[in-house]
Every structure is written in C-alpha cells, then in structure tokens.
Amino acid sequence: MSLLAQLVQLYIFVIIGRIILSWFPIHPGSAMATIFTYLYRATEPVLGPVRRMMPAMGGFDLSPIIVIVALEIIQGSVLR
C-alpha cells in the first residue's frame, strides 16, 4: 500500500474517532476534550464545506459518511 493510501486510511480513522467522541459528554479541560479538539481541527476543514453544501437533514450530520465514502472511492480506484 502506498504512503498516500495509508494517509487516506489514517484520515478515515481520525474522522471515525471524531464521530465516536461526539457521542460522549466532553468536559472542558479533560483529556477527552483535548483529543476531541485535535480531531476537530484535523477534520473540520474537510467536513465543514461538505456540511454546508448539504441540505438540512433534520439535525443529522451526514458529512462524515459522505467524506468517508468519497475517500474510500478515491482510495479504491485511484490509489491502488
């Protein structure tokens, strides 16, 4: 697997980590808050524009799913 494919896979894991942490209450100053801040900073530049382009889905944020699917398509067709 190429380095670029590995980086794409790592970014997918970072997005999944952000999704999982969003399910839990995060208290300011805690270790989870620090981790979430890093994950947020790493993923928001990609997820934010996708979220803004999507129509309202009744409070559901589907942008991580769309980005993960797009990255998997890119990884499967272009990077291999």
N, C-alpha and C. Protein backbone atom coordinates (compact mmCIF):
# COMPACT_ATOMS: atom_id res chain seq x y z
N MET A 1 0.86 -1.18 0.00
CA MET A 1 0.00 0.00 0.00
C MET A 1 0.90 1.23 0.00
N SER A 2 0.53 2.19 -0.82
CA SER A 2 1.35 3.40 -0.94
C SER A 2 1.19 4.28 0.29
N LEU A 3 2.10 5.20 0.43
CA LEU A 3 2.06 6.13 1.56
C LEU A 3 0.79 6.98 1.51
N LEU A 4 0.41 7.42 0.32
CA LEU A 4 -0.79 8.24 0.20
C LEU A 4 -2.04 7.44 0.59
N ALA A 5 -2.10 6.19 0.19
CA ALA A 5 -3.24 5.34 0.58
C ALA A 5 -3.27 5.14 2.09
N GLN A 6 -2.12 5.01 2.72
CA GLN A 6 -2.07 4.87 4.17
C GLN A 6 -2.51 6.15 4.87
N LEU A 7 -2.15 7.30 4.31
CA LEU A 7 -2.57 8.56 4.89
C LEU A 7 -4.08 8.75 4.77
N VAL A 8 -4.64 8.34 3.64
CA VAL A 8 -6.10 8.41 3.48
C VAL A 8 -6.77 7.52 4.51
N GLN A 9 -6.25 6.32 4.70
CA GLN A 9 -6.82 5.40 5.69
C GLN A 9 -6.71 5.98 7.09
N LEU A 10 -5.59 6.59 7.41
CA LEU A 10 -5.41 7.23 8.72
C LEU A 10 -6.42 8.36 8.91
N TYR A 11 -6.66 9.15 7.87
CA TYR A 11 -7.63 10.25 7.96
C TYR A 11 -9.04 9.71 8.19
N ILE A 12 -9.36 8.58 7.57
CA ILE A 12 -10.66 7.95 7.81
C ILE A 12 -10.79 7.56 9.28
N PHE A 13 -9.73 7.01 9.86
CA PHE A 13 -9.75 6.65 11.28
C PHE A 13 -9.92 7.89 12.16
N VAL A 14 -9.31 9.00 11.77
CA VAL A 14 -9.45 10.24 12.53
C VAL A 14 -10.90 10.72 12.49
N ILE A 15 -11.53 10.63 11.32
CA ILE A 15 -12.95 11.01 11.21
C ILE A 15 -13.80 10.10 12.08
N ILE A 16 -13.54 8.80 12.06
CA ILE A 16 -14.29 7.86 12.89
C ILE A 16 -14.08 8.16 14.37
N GLY A 17 -12.86 8.51 14.75
CA GLY A 17 -12.59 8.89 16.14
C GLY A 17 -13.40 10.11 16.55
N ARG A 18 -13.51 11.08 15.65
CA ARG A 18 -14.32 12.27 15.95
C ARG A 18 -15.79 11.90 16.11
N ILE A 19 -16.27 11.02 15.26
CA ILE A 19 -17.67 10.58 15.36
C ILE A 19 -17.92 9.92 16.70
N ILE A 20 -17.04 9.01 17.09
CA ILE A 20 -17.23 8.27 18.34
C ILE A 20 -17.18 9.22 19.54
N LEU A 21 -16.22 10.13 19.55
CA LEU A 21 -16.13 11.06 20.68
C LEU A 21 -17.32 12.02 20.75
N SER A 22 -17.96 12.26 19.62
CA SER A 22 -19.12 13.17 19.64
C SER A 22 -20.32 12.55 20.35
N TRP A 23 -20.29 11.26 20.60
CA TRP A 23 -21.39 10.58 21.29
C TRP A 23 -21.32 10.74 22.80
N PHE A 24 -20.20 11.20 23.32
CA PHE A 24 -19.99 11.27 24.76
C PHE A 24 -19.95 12.72 25.23
N PRO A 25 -20.38 12.95 26.48
CA PRO A 25 -20.24 14.31 27.02
C PRO A 25 -18.76 14.61 27.25
N ILE A 26 -18.34 15.77 26.81
CA ILE A 26 -16.93 16.14 26.93
C ILE A 26 -16.84 17.37 27.84
N HIS A 27 -16.11 17.23 28.91
CA HIS A 27 -15.94 18.30 29.88
C HIS A 27 -14.70 19.12 29.53
N PRO A 28 -14.82 20.43 29.50
CA PRO A 28 -13.67 21.28 29.18
C PRO A 28 -12.49 20.99 30.12
N GLY A 29 -11.31 20.93 29.54
CA GLY A 29 -10.10 20.70 30.32
C GLY A 29 -9.77 19.23 30.53
N SER A 30 -10.67 18.34 30.13
CA SER A 30 -10.40 16.91 30.31
C SER A 30 -9.53 16.39 29.17
N ALA A 31 -9.01 15.19 29.36
CA ALA A 31 -8.19 14.57 28.31
C ALA A 31 -9.01 14.35 27.05
N MET A 32 -10.28 13.95 27.21
CA MET A 32 -11.13 13.74 26.04
C MET A 32 -11.35 15.05 25.29
N ALA A 33 -11.45 16.16 26.00
CA ALA A 33 -11.62 17.46 25.34
C ALA A 33 -10.40 17.81 24.51
N THR A 34 -9.24 17.51 25.02
CA THR A 34 -8.00 17.77 24.28
C THR A 34 -7.95 16.92 23.02
N ILE A 35 -8.25 15.65 23.14
CA ILE A 35 -8.24 14.76 21.99
C ILE A 35 -9.28 15.21 20.97
N PHE A 36 -10.48 15.54 21.45
CA PHE A 36 -11.53 15.99 20.53
C PHE A 36 -11.12 17.26 19.81
N THR A 37 -10.46 18.16 20.50
CA THR A 37 -10.01 19.40 19.86
C THR A 37 -9.06 19.11 18.71
N TYR A 38 -8.11 18.21 18.91
CA TYR A 38 -7.19 17.84 17.83
C TYR A 38 -7.92 17.17 16.67
N LEU A 39 -8.85 16.26 16.99
CA LEU A 39 -9.60 15.60 15.93
C LEU A 39 -10.47 16.60 15.17
N TYR A 40 -11.07 17.53 15.90
CA TYR A 40 -11.90 18.56 15.28
C TYR A 40 -11.07 19.42 14.33
N ARG A 41 -9.91 19.86 14.79
CA ARG A 41 -9.04 20.69 13.95
C ARG A 41 -8.56 19.96 12.71
N ALA A 42 -8.37 18.66 12.82
CA ALA A 42 -7.89 17.88 11.69
C ALA A 42 -8.99 17.57 10.67
N THR A 43 -10.23 17.51 11.12
CA THR A 43 -11.31 17.08 10.23
C THR A 43 -12.23 18.20 9.76
N GLU A 44 -12.35 19.25 10.52
CA GLU A 44 -13.31 20.31 10.17
C GLU A 44 -13.02 20.99 8.84
N PRO A 45 -11.75 21.17 8.43
CA PRO A 45 -11.52 21.78 7.10
C PRO A 45 -12.12 20.97 5.95
N VAL A 46 -12.31 19.69 6.14
CA VAL A 46 -12.93 18.85 5.10
C VAL A 46 -14.42 18.69 5.35
N LEU A 47 -14.80 18.43 6.60
CA LEU A 47 -16.21 18.18 6.91
C LEU A 47 -17.06 19.45 6.83
N GLY A 48 -16.52 20.58 7.21
CA GLY A 48 -17.28 21.83 7.22
C GLY A 48 -17.85 22.20 5.86
N PRO A 49 -17.03 22.27 4.82
CA PRO A 49 -17.57 22.61 3.49
C PRO A 49 -18.60 21.59 2.98
N VAL A 50 -18.38 20.32 3.26
CA VAL A 50 -19.34 19.30 2.84
C VAL A 50 -20.66 19.51 3.58
N ARG A 51 -20.59 19.79 4.87
CA ARG A 51 -21.78 20.03 5.68
C ARG A 51 -22.56 21.23 5.16
N ARG A 52 -21.86 22.29 4.76
CA ARG A 52 -22.54 23.49 4.27
C ARG A 52 -23.20 23.26 2.91
N MET A 53 -22.70 22.36 2.11
CA MET A 53 -23.28 22.08 0.79
C MET A 53 -24.51 21.19 0.88
N MET A 54 -24.68 20.49 1.98
CA MET A 54 -25.78 19.54 2.11
C MET A 54 -27.05 20.22 2.59
N PRO A 55 -28.20 19.72 2.14
CA PRO A 55 -29.45 20.26 2.68
C PRO A 55 -29.65 19.80 4.13
N ALA A 56 -30.50 20.50 4.85
CA ALA A 56 -30.78 20.12 6.24
C ALA A 56 -31.39 18.73 6.29
N MET A 57 -30.90 17.91 7.22
CA MET A 57 -31.35 16.52 7.32
C MET A 57 -32.00 16.26 8.68
N GLY A 58 -32.71 17.22 9.20
CA GLY A 58 -33.40 17.01 10.47
C GLY A 58 -32.48 16.85 11.66
N GLY A 59 -31.38 17.57 11.68
CA GLY A 59 -30.46 17.51 12.81
C GLY A 59 -29.37 16.46 12.68
N PHE A 60 -29.39 15.66 11.63
CA PHE A 60 -28.36 14.65 11.43
C PHE A 60 -27.24 15.23 10.59
N ASP A 61 -26.01 14.96 10.99
CA ASP A 61 -24.83 15.41 10.24
C ASP A 61 -24.30 14.21 9.46
N LEU A 62 -24.57 14.19 8.18
CA LEU A 62 -24.14 13.08 7.34
C LEU A 62 -22.81 13.37 6.64
N SER A 63 -22.22 14.52 6.89
CA SER A 63 -20.97 14.88 6.21
C SER A 63 -19.84 13.88 6.47
N PRO A 64 -19.68 13.31 7.68
CA PRO A 64 -18.60 12.33 7.84
C PRO A 64 -18.80 11.09 6.96
N ILE A 65 -20.04 10.66 6.81
CA ILE A 65 -20.31 9.48 5.98
C ILE A 65 -19.98 9.78 4.53
N ILE A 66 -20.38 10.96 4.06
CA ILE A 66 -20.10 11.34 2.67
C ILE A 66 -18.60 11.43 2.42
N VAL A 67 -17.88 12.03 3.35
CA VAL A 67 -16.43 12.17 3.19
C VAL A 67 -15.75 10.80 3.24
N ILE A 68 -16.17 9.93 4.14
CA ILE A 68 -15.57 8.60 4.24
C ILE A 68 -15.83 7.81 2.96
N VAL A 69 -17.04 7.85 2.45
CA VAL A 69 -17.36 7.14 1.20
C VAL A 69 -16.52 7.69 0.06
N ALA A 70 -16.40 9.01 -0.04
CA ALA A 70 -15.60 9.62 -1.10
C ALA A 70 -14.13 9.21 -0.97
N LEU A 71 -13.61 9.21 0.25
CA LEU A 71 -12.21 8.80 0.44
C LEU A 71 -12.01 7.33 0.10
N GLU A 72 -12.97 6.48 0.44
CA GLU A 72 -12.87 5.06 0.10
C GLU A 72 -12.89 4.86 -1.41
N ILE A 73 -13.73 5.62 -2.11
CA ILE A 73 -13.77 5.54 -3.58
C ILE A 73 -12.44 5.98 -4.17
N ILE A 74 -11.93 7.09 -3.68
CA ILE A 74 -10.63 7.58 -4.15
C ILE A 74 -9.55 6.56 -3.87
N GLN A 75 -9.56 6.02 -2.67
CA GLN A 75 -8.54 5.05 -2.28
C GLN A 75 -8.65 3.78 -3.12
N GLY A 76 -9.86 3.33 -3.38
CA GLY A 76 -10.05 2.09 -4.12
C GLY A 76 -9.77 2.20 -5.61
N SER A 77 -10.13 3.33 -6.20
CA SER A 77 -9.99 3.44 -7.66
C SER A 77 -8.73 4.15 -8.12
N VAL A 78 -8.29 5.14 -7.38
CA VAL A 78 -7.16 5.95 -7.82
C VAL A 78 -5.84 5.51 -7.21
N LEU A 79 -5.85 5.19 -5.94
CA LEU A 79 -4.61 4.94 -5.22
C LEU A 79 -4.11 3.50 -5.31
N ARG A 80 -4.90 2.61 -5.85
CA ARG A 80 -4.45 1.21 -5.94
C ARG A 80 -4.03 0.84 -7.33
